[in-house]
Structures are given as structure tokens and as C-alpha cells.
Amino acid sequence: SLSWSPSFCEVARERGGPTRSQQVQCGGRPYSFVVHGLWPQYERGFPEYCRRPSPRLARRIMTSMLDLMPAPGLIYNEWDKHGTCSGLSPRGYFELIRKARAAVKIPPEFLDLSEVKTVTPDAVEAAFVKVNPGMSRSAVAVTCDRKRLSEVRICMSKNLQFRACQEIDRRACRRDRLVMPPVR
């Protein structure tokens, strides 16, 4: 899942300001799409929090991911909630996230967004399909809040090939138009 960071930060500001962990993402360097997570998934549903308590994630692994996932709290949470269900070690899980992110190209029109952009979920999906050979419309879905693009979710097989996945389509945004706040 790739989160549109400017939308995330606007929501945080509307709720009274970002938490300490979110301040890194929302207060410093301008981020566009950031990795929200890599979630093991069944054909219907997905496992969560598979090991309680979760094996502790080493700080050095967390800091190694800050270029893709710019909030320490997010990294720790993704390990606890989804990484523990992957069957991988912490290092293996985060290496897989890095490989999955490298396999997905961001459409050029979303790289340096300097002003508000109005889009349709369909157009965002089409843009991702266009720049990612092998990705089909059934492998990608946009999520949103009541007015903003939130995430682009992409289904991949265990060997990181794009694959169809009805589960994400069921949870896709049904709005006609969405706003993408600019990268600050």
C-alpha cells in the first residue's frame, strides 16, 4: 500500500496536529507516495497481529526504512500488525518491502505535485497501469476519505509479480472526484 503523504498530513492537521511520530513525515522533507505497508493476504481478508507479543524490531532495521516509510511509529506498527504474519524475519520482511516498492513505478504526473490536483480514482489506477508493465486494472485500487486520495493499493504475488485481487477492489474508493493535496 502506497499512502499519499500530503493527504495523510492534511488529515492529521485537521484532527489537531500530527503526533510526534507523524511530525517527521509531515513537518520536514516533502513526501509524495510513501510505503504504508506490505500486507500478507488471503483471497478474502488478511491476518493481523500473528505473534503476541511481537518479536522486538531492532532500531537499526527501523531507521533503515525511514526513506520509504518516514515515521518510526508506522514502521513498528507495520511489523507488529503485518510483518509478524509474513513468516519472515524482521530483516527479511523489510527487505521484501524494499523490493516490492522498487517494483512499482510512480506515474510521472504524481512525482512533483506542486499544486492541488483533482483526479478520479479511475484515472489514478489507469496511470499506474500505464507505467507498470504487467499490472492490470484488477491489481490496483485507490482508497479515499470523503474528499482526498488516501492510498494506492497494489496486489502482488509472493514473488512480487502483479496479480489480480478482488479483495482490494471491494474496498476501493467510489467517489467521482478526489483531491490530491500538493507535496509541500
C-alpha atoms as a PDB file:
ATOM      1  CA  SER A   1       0.000   0.000   0.000  1.00  0.00           C
ATOM      2  CA  LEU A   2       1.316   3.422  -1.028  1.00  0.00           C
ATOM      3  CA  SER A   3      -0.054   6.311   1.008  1.00  0.00           C
ATOM      4  CA  TRP A   4      -0.353   9.824  -0.473  1.00  0.00           C
ATOM      5  CA  SER A   5       1.543  11.616   2.282  1.00  0.00           C
ATOM      6  CA  PRO A   6       0.082  15.126   1.703  1.00  0.00           C
ATOM      7  CA  SER A   7      -3.458  13.753   2.300  1.00  0.00           C
ATOM      8  CA  PHE A   8      -2.291  11.934   5.432  1.00  0.00           C
ATOM      9  CA  CYS A   9      -0.734  15.156   6.758  1.00  0.00           C
ATOM     10  CA  GLU A  10      -3.830  17.251   5.996  1.00  0.00           C
ATOM     11  CA  VAL A  11      -5.987  14.781   7.910  1.00  0.00           C
ATOM     12  CA  ALA A  12      -3.521  14.890  10.832  1.00  0.00           C
ATOM     13  CA  ARG A  13      -3.656  18.711  10.865  1.00  0.00           C
ATOM     14  CA  GLU A  14      -7.476  18.683  10.759  1.00  0.00           C
ATOM     15  CA  ARG A  15      -7.513  16.368  13.774  1.00  0.00           C
ATOM     16  CA  GLY A  16      -5.432  18.772  15.835  1.00  0.00           C
ATOM     17  CA  GLY A  17      -1.931  18.289  14.545  1.00  0.00           C
ATOM     18  CA  PRO A  18       0.324  15.339  13.850  1.00  0.00           C
ATOM     19  CA  THR A  19       1.566  13.122  16.662  1.00  0.00           C
ATOM     20  CA  ARG A  20       5.247  13.157  17.485  1.00  0.00           C
ATOM     21  CA  SER A  21       5.867  10.220  15.157  1.00  0.00           C
ATOM     22  CA  GLN A  22       3.871  11.860  12.347  1.00  0.00           C
ATOM     23  CA  GLN A  23       5.797  15.144  12.675  1.00  0.00           C
ATOM     24  CA  VAL A  24       8.770  13.563  10.909  1.00  0.00           C
ATOM     25  CA  GLN A  25       6.578  12.783   7.912  1.00  0.00           C
ATOM     26  CA  CYS A  26       4.510  15.980   7.992  1.00  0.00           C
ATOM     27  CA  GLY A  27       6.959  18.600   9.152  1.00  0.00           C
ATOM     28  CA  GLY A  28      10.226  18.121   7.362  1.00  0.00           C
ATOM     29  CA  ARG A  29      11.074  16.803   3.952  1.00  0.00           C
ATOM     30  CA  PRO A  30       8.232  16.878   1.399  1.00  0.00           C
ATOM     31  CA  TYR A  31       6.928  13.362   0.731  1.00  0.00           C
ATOM     32  CA  SER A  32       4.626  12.193  -2.045  1.00  0.00           C
ATOM     33  CA  PHE A  33       3.778   8.468  -2.115  1.00  0.00           C
ATOM     34  CA  VAL A  34       5.260   6.634   0.851  1.00  0.00           C
ATOM     35  CA  VAL A  35       5.006   2.962   1.742  1.00  0.00           C
ATOM     36  CA  HIS A  36       2.208   2.340   4.188  1.00  0.00           C
ATOM     37  CA  GLY A  37       2.830  -1.375   4.329  1.00  0.00           C
ATOM     38  CA  LEU A  38       3.092  -4.784   2.770  1.00  0.00           C
ATOM     39  CA  TRP A  39       0.270  -6.988   3.970  1.00  0.00           C
ATOM     40  CA  PRO A  40       0.052 -10.755   3.687  1.00  0.00           C
ATOM     41  CA  GLN A  41      -3.409 -11.514   2.402  1.00  0.00           C
ATOM     42  CA  TYR A  42      -5.802 -14.376   1.886  1.00  0.00           C
ATOM     43  CA  GLU A  43      -8.200 -14.366  -1.053  1.00  0.00           C
ATOM     44  CA  ARG A  44     -10.685 -12.955   1.452  1.00  0.00           C
ATOM     45  CA  GLY A  45      -9.332 -10.959   4.366  1.00  0.00           C
ATOM     46  CA  PHE A  46      -5.885 -10.852   5.844  1.00  0.00           C
ATOM     47  CA  PRO A  47      -4.180 -11.942   9.046  1.00  0.00           C
ATOM     48  CA  GLU A  48      -3.155  -9.407  11.691  1.00  0.00           C
ATOM     49  CA  TYR A  49      -1.018  -9.459  14.839  1.00  0.00           C
ATOM     50  CA  CYS A  50       0.048 -13.064  14.400  1.00  0.00           C
ATOM     51  CA  ARG A  51       2.541 -13.065  17.269  1.00  0.00           C
ATOM     52  CA  ARG A  52       1.718 -11.584  20.663  1.00  0.00           C
ATOM     53  CA  PRO A  53       3.884 -10.140  21.949  1.00  0.00           C
ATOM     54  CA  SER A  54       5.607  -9.324  18.671  1.00  0.00           C
ATOM     55  CA  PRO A  55       9.308 -10.048  18.395  1.00  0.00           C
ATOM     56  CA  ARG A  56      11.079  -6.755  19.013  1.00  0.00           C
ATOM     57  CA  LEU A  57      12.089  -4.865  15.876  1.00  0.00           C
ATOM     58  CA  ALA A  58      15.716  -3.711  16.047  1.00  0.00           C
ATOM     59  CA  ARG A  59      16.138   0.059  15.884  1.00  0.00           C
ATOM     60  CA  ARG A  60      18.691  -0.238  13.065  1.00  0.00           C
ATOM     61  CA  ILE A  61      16.107  -2.021  10.894  1.00  0.00           C
ATOM     62  CA  MET A  62      13.551   0.706  11.666  1.00  0.00           C
ATOM     63  CA  THR A  63      15.986   3.501  10.767  1.00  0.00           C
ATOM     64  CA  SER A  64      16.968   1.716   7.543  1.00  0.00           C
ATOM     65  CA  MET A  65      13.348   2.076   6.342  1.00  0.00           C
ATOM     66  CA  LEU A  66      12.836   5.784   7.011  1.00  0.00           C
ATOM     67  CA  ASP A  67      13.452   6.684   3.358  1.00  0.00           C
ATOM     68  CA  LEU A  68      10.368   4.659   2.308  1.00  0.00           C
ATOM     69  CA  MET A  69       8.274   4.806   5.479  1.00  0.00           C
ATOM     70  CA  PRO A  70       9.051   8.186   7.076  1.00  0.00           C
ATOM     71  CA  ALA A  71       7.516   7.646  10.525  1.00  0.00           C
ATOM     72  CA  PRO A  72       9.078   5.345  13.127  1.00  0.00           C
ATOM     73  CA  GLY A  73       5.657   4.562  14.618  1.00  0.00           C
ATOM     74  CA  LEU A  74       4.414   3.382  11.228  1.00  0.00           C
ATOM     75  CA  ILE A  75       7.372   1.040  10.793  1.00  0.00           C
ATOM     76  CA  TYR A  76       6.985  -0.513  14.240  1.00  0.00           C
ATOM     77  CA  ASN A  77       3.205  -0.849  13.769  1.00  0.00           C
ATOM     78  CA  GLU A  78       3.538  -2.487  10.349  1.00  0.00           C
ATOM     79  CA  TRP A  79       5.937  -5.053  11.786  1.00  0.00           C
ATOM     80  CA  ASP A  80       3.636  -5.840  14.733  1.00  0.00           C
ATOM     81  CA  LYS A  81       0.421  -5.941  12.686  1.00  0.00           C
ATOM     82  CA  HIS A  82       1.513  -7.433   9.354  1.00  0.00           C
ATOM     83  CA  GLY A  83       5.186  -8.409   9.420  1.00  0.00           C
ATOM     84  CA  THR A  84       4.612 -10.975  12.142  1.00  0.00           C
ATOM     85  CA  CYS A  85       2.156 -12.697   9.782  1.00  0.00           C
ATOM     86  CA  SER A  86       4.592 -12.851   6.858  1.00  0.00           C
ATOM     87  CA  GLY A  87       6.584 -15.857   8.045  1.00  0.00           C
ATOM     88  CA  LEU A  88       9.751 -13.761   7.578  1.00  0.00           C
ATOM     89  CA  SER A  89      12.316 -12.383   9.961  1.00  0.00           C
ATOM     90  CA  PRO A  90      12.171  -8.619  10.556  1.00  0.00           C
ATOM     91  CA  ARG A  91      15.094  -8.104   8.164  1.00  0.00           C
ATOM     92  CA  GLY A  92      13.506 -10.361   5.538  1.00  0.00           C
ATOM     93  CA  TYR A  93      10.133  -8.618   5.831  1.00  0.00           C
ATOM     94  CA  PHE A  94      11.577  -5.129   5.397  1.00  0.00           C
ATOM     95  CA  GLU A  95      13.868  -6.255   2.568  1.00  0.00           C
ATOM     96  CA  LEU A  96      10.755  -7.588   0.833  1.00  0.00           C
ATOM     97  CA  ILE A  97       9.026  -4.222   1.336  1.00  0.00           C
ATOM     98  CA  ARG A  98      12.021  -2.502  -0.270  1.00  0.00           C
ATOM     99  CA  LYS A  99      11.924  -4.914  -3.242  1.00  0.00           C
ATOM    100  CA  ALA A 100       8.152  -4.521  -3.641  1.00  0.00           C
ATOM    101  CA  ARG A 101       8.451  -0.730  -3.617  1.00  0.00           C
ATOM    102  CA  ALA A 102      11.257  -0.883  -6.200  1.00  0.00           C
ATOM    103  CA  ALA A 103       8.996  -2.976  -8.459  1.00  0.00           C
ATOM    104  CA  VAL A 104       6.322  -0.242  -8.586  1.00  0.00           C
ATOM    105  CA  LYS A 105       6.852   2.864 -10.703  1.00  0.00           C
ATOM    106  CA  ILE A 106       5.059   6.046  -9.693  1.00  0.00           C
ATOM    107  CA  PRO A 107       3.406   7.794 -12.651  1.00  0.00           C
ATOM    108  CA  PRO A 108       5.358  10.951 -13.542  1.00  0.00           C
ATOM    109  CA  GLU A 109       2.337  13.217 -13.075  1.00  0.00           C
ATOM    110  CA  PHE A 110       2.391  12.401  -9.347  1.00  0.00           C
ATOM    111  CA  LEU A 111       6.113  12.800  -8.667  1.00  0.00           C
ATOM    112  CA  ASP A 112       6.431  16.555  -8.076  1.00  0.00           C
ATOM    113  CA  LEU A 113       2.894  17.755  -7.499  1.00  0.00           C
ATOM    114  CA  SER A 114       3.252  21.463  -6.719  1.00  0.00           C
ATOM    115  CA  GLU A 115      -0.435  22.395  -6.640  1.00  0.00           C
ATOM    116  CA  VAL A 116      -3.708  20.724  -5.776  1.00  0.00           C
ATOM    117  CA  LYS A 117      -4.709  18.167  -8.386  1.00  0.00           C
ATOM    118  CA  THR A 118      -8.251  16.902  -8.924  1.00  0.00           C
ATOM    119  CA  VAL A 119      -8.375  13.306 -10.137  1.00  0.00           C
ATOM    120  CA  THR A 120     -10.745  10.401 -10.498  1.00  0.00           C
ATOM    121  CA  PRO A 121      -9.920   7.061  -8.873  1.00  0.00           C
ATOM    122  CA  ASP A 122     -10.154   5.526 -12.345  1.00  0.00           C
ATOM    123  CA  ALA A 123      -7.561   7.944 -13.778  1.00  0.00           C
ATOM    124  CA  VAL A 124      -5.115   7.230 -10.936  1.00  0.00           C
ATOM    125  CA  GLU A 125      -5.461   3.481 -11.457  1.00  0.00           C
ATOM    126  CA  ALA A 126      -5.016   3.904 -15.226  1.00  0.00           C
ATOM    127  CA  ALA A 127      -1.862   5.982 -14.693  1.00  0.00           C
ATOM    128  CA  PHE A 128      -0.319   3.249 -12.510  1.00  0.00           C
ATOM    129  CA  VAL A 129      -1.243   0.526 -15.008  1.00  0.00           C
ATOM    130  CA  LYS A 130       0.253   2.559 -17.866  1.00  0.00           C
ATOM    131  CA  VAL A 131       3.724   2.889 -16.286  1.00  0.00           C
ATOM    132  CA  ASN A 132       3.893  -0.579 -14.702  1.00  0.00           C
ATOM    133  CA  PRO A 133       4.169  -3.340 -17.328  1.00  0.00           C
ATOM    134  CA  GLY A 134       2.255  -6.423 -16.265  1.00  0.00           C
ATOM    135  CA  MET A 135      -0.063  -4.555 -13.888  1.00  0.00           C
ATOM    136  CA  SER A 136      -3.760  -4.856 -14.727  1.00  0.00           C
ATOM    137  CA  ARG A 137      -6.690  -2.781 -13.502  1.00  0.00           C
ATOM    138  CA  SER A 138      -7.707  -5.711 -11.313  1.00  0.00           C
ATOM    139  CA  ALA A 139      -4.372  -5.479  -9.440  1.00  0.00           C
ATOM    140  CA  VAL A 140      -4.716  -1.870  -8.259  1.00  0.00           C
ATOM    141  CA  ALA A 141      -7.271   0.127  -6.272  1.00  0.00           C
ATOM    142  CA  VAL A 142      -7.457   3.653  -4.915  1.00  0.00           C
ATOM    143  CA  THR A 143      -8.745   4.370  -1.410  1.00  0.00           C
ATOM    144  CA  CYS A 144     -10.007   7.741  -0.236  1.00  0.00           C
ATOM    145  CA  ASP A 145     -11.635   9.694   2.538  1.00  0.00           C
ATOM    146  CA  ARG A 146     -14.628  11.882   1.787  1.00  0.00           C
ATOM    147  CA  LYS A 147     -12.623  14.189  -0.492  1.00  0.00           C
ATOM    148  CA  ARG A 148      -8.950  13.155  -0.759  1.00  0.00           C
ATOM    149  CA  LEU A 149      -6.955  10.346  -2.319  1.00  0.00           C
ATOM    150  CA  SER A 150      -5.599   8.270   0.581  1.00  0.00           C
ATOM    151  CA  GLU A 151      -3.761   5.280  -0.866  1.00  0.00           C
ATOM    152  CA  VAL A 152      -2.991   3.255  -3.936  1.00  0.00           C
ATOM    153  CA  ARG A 153      -3.112  -0.446  -3.107  1.00  0.00           C
ATOM    154  CA  ILE A 154      -1.384  -2.898  -5.410  1.00  0.00           C
ATOM    155  CA  CYS A 155      -1.635  -6.676  -5.264  1.00  0.00           C
ATOM    156  CA  MET A 156       1.470  -8.747  -5.798  1.00  0.00           C
ATOM    157  CA  SER A 157       2.225 -12.434  -5.609  1.00  0.00           C
ATOM    158  CA  LYS A 158       4.789 -13.802  -3.170  1.00  0.00           C
ATOM    159  CA  ASN A 159       7.440 -13.384  -5.876  1.00  0.00           C
ATOM    160  CA  LEU A 160       6.380  -9.721  -6.371  1.00  0.00           C
ATOM    161  CA  GLN A 161       4.584 -10.124  -9.673  1.00  0.00           C
ATOM    162  CA  PHE A 162       1.458  -8.025 -10.132  1.00  0.00           C
ATOM    163  CA  ARG A 163      -1.685 -10.099  -9.709  1.00  0.00           C
ATOM    164  CA  ALA A 164      -5.445  -9.626  -9.746  1.00  0.00           C
ATOM    165  CA  CYS A 165      -7.020  -9.321  -6.343  1.00  0.00           C
ATOM    166  CA  GLN A 166     -10.736  -8.806  -5.849  1.00  0.00           C
ATOM    167  CA  GLU A 167     -10.305  -8.104  -2.151  1.00  0.00           C
ATOM    168  CA  ILE A 168      -8.810  -4.654  -2.697  1.00  0.00           C
ATOM    169  CA  ASP A 169     -11.409  -3.757  -5.322  1.00  0.00           C
ATOM    170  CA  ARG A 170     -14.211  -4.323  -2.817  1.00  0.00           C
ATOM    171  CA  ARG A 171     -12.644  -1.681  -0.557  1.00  0.00           C
ATOM    172  CA  ALA A 172     -11.883   0.805  -3.364  1.00  0.00           C
ATOM    173  CA  CYS A 173     -12.938   4.441  -3.444  1.00  0.00           C
ATOM    174  CA  ARG A 174     -16.324   5.039  -5.071  1.00  0.00           C
ATOM    175  CA  ARG A 175     -16.109   8.854  -5.297  1.00  0.00           C
ATOM    176  CA  ASP A 176     -16.342  10.621  -8.653  1.00  0.00           C
ATOM    177  CA  ARG A 177     -13.552  13.112  -7.975  1.00  0.00           C
ATOM    178  CA  LEU A 178     -10.744  13.328  -5.451  1.00  0.00           C
ATOM    179  CA  VAL A 179      -8.273  15.968  -4.427  1.00  0.00           C
ATOM    180  CA  MET A 180      -4.550  15.282  -4.186  1.00  0.00           C
ATOM    181  CA  PRO A 181      -3.028  17.979  -1.960  1.00  0.00           C
ATOM    182  CA  PRO A 182       0.363  19.159  -3.241  1.00  0.00           C
ATOM    183  CA  VAL A 183       3.715  17.964  -1.963  1.00  0.00           C
ATOM    184  CA  ARG A 184       4.984  20.709   0.348  1.00  0.00           C
END
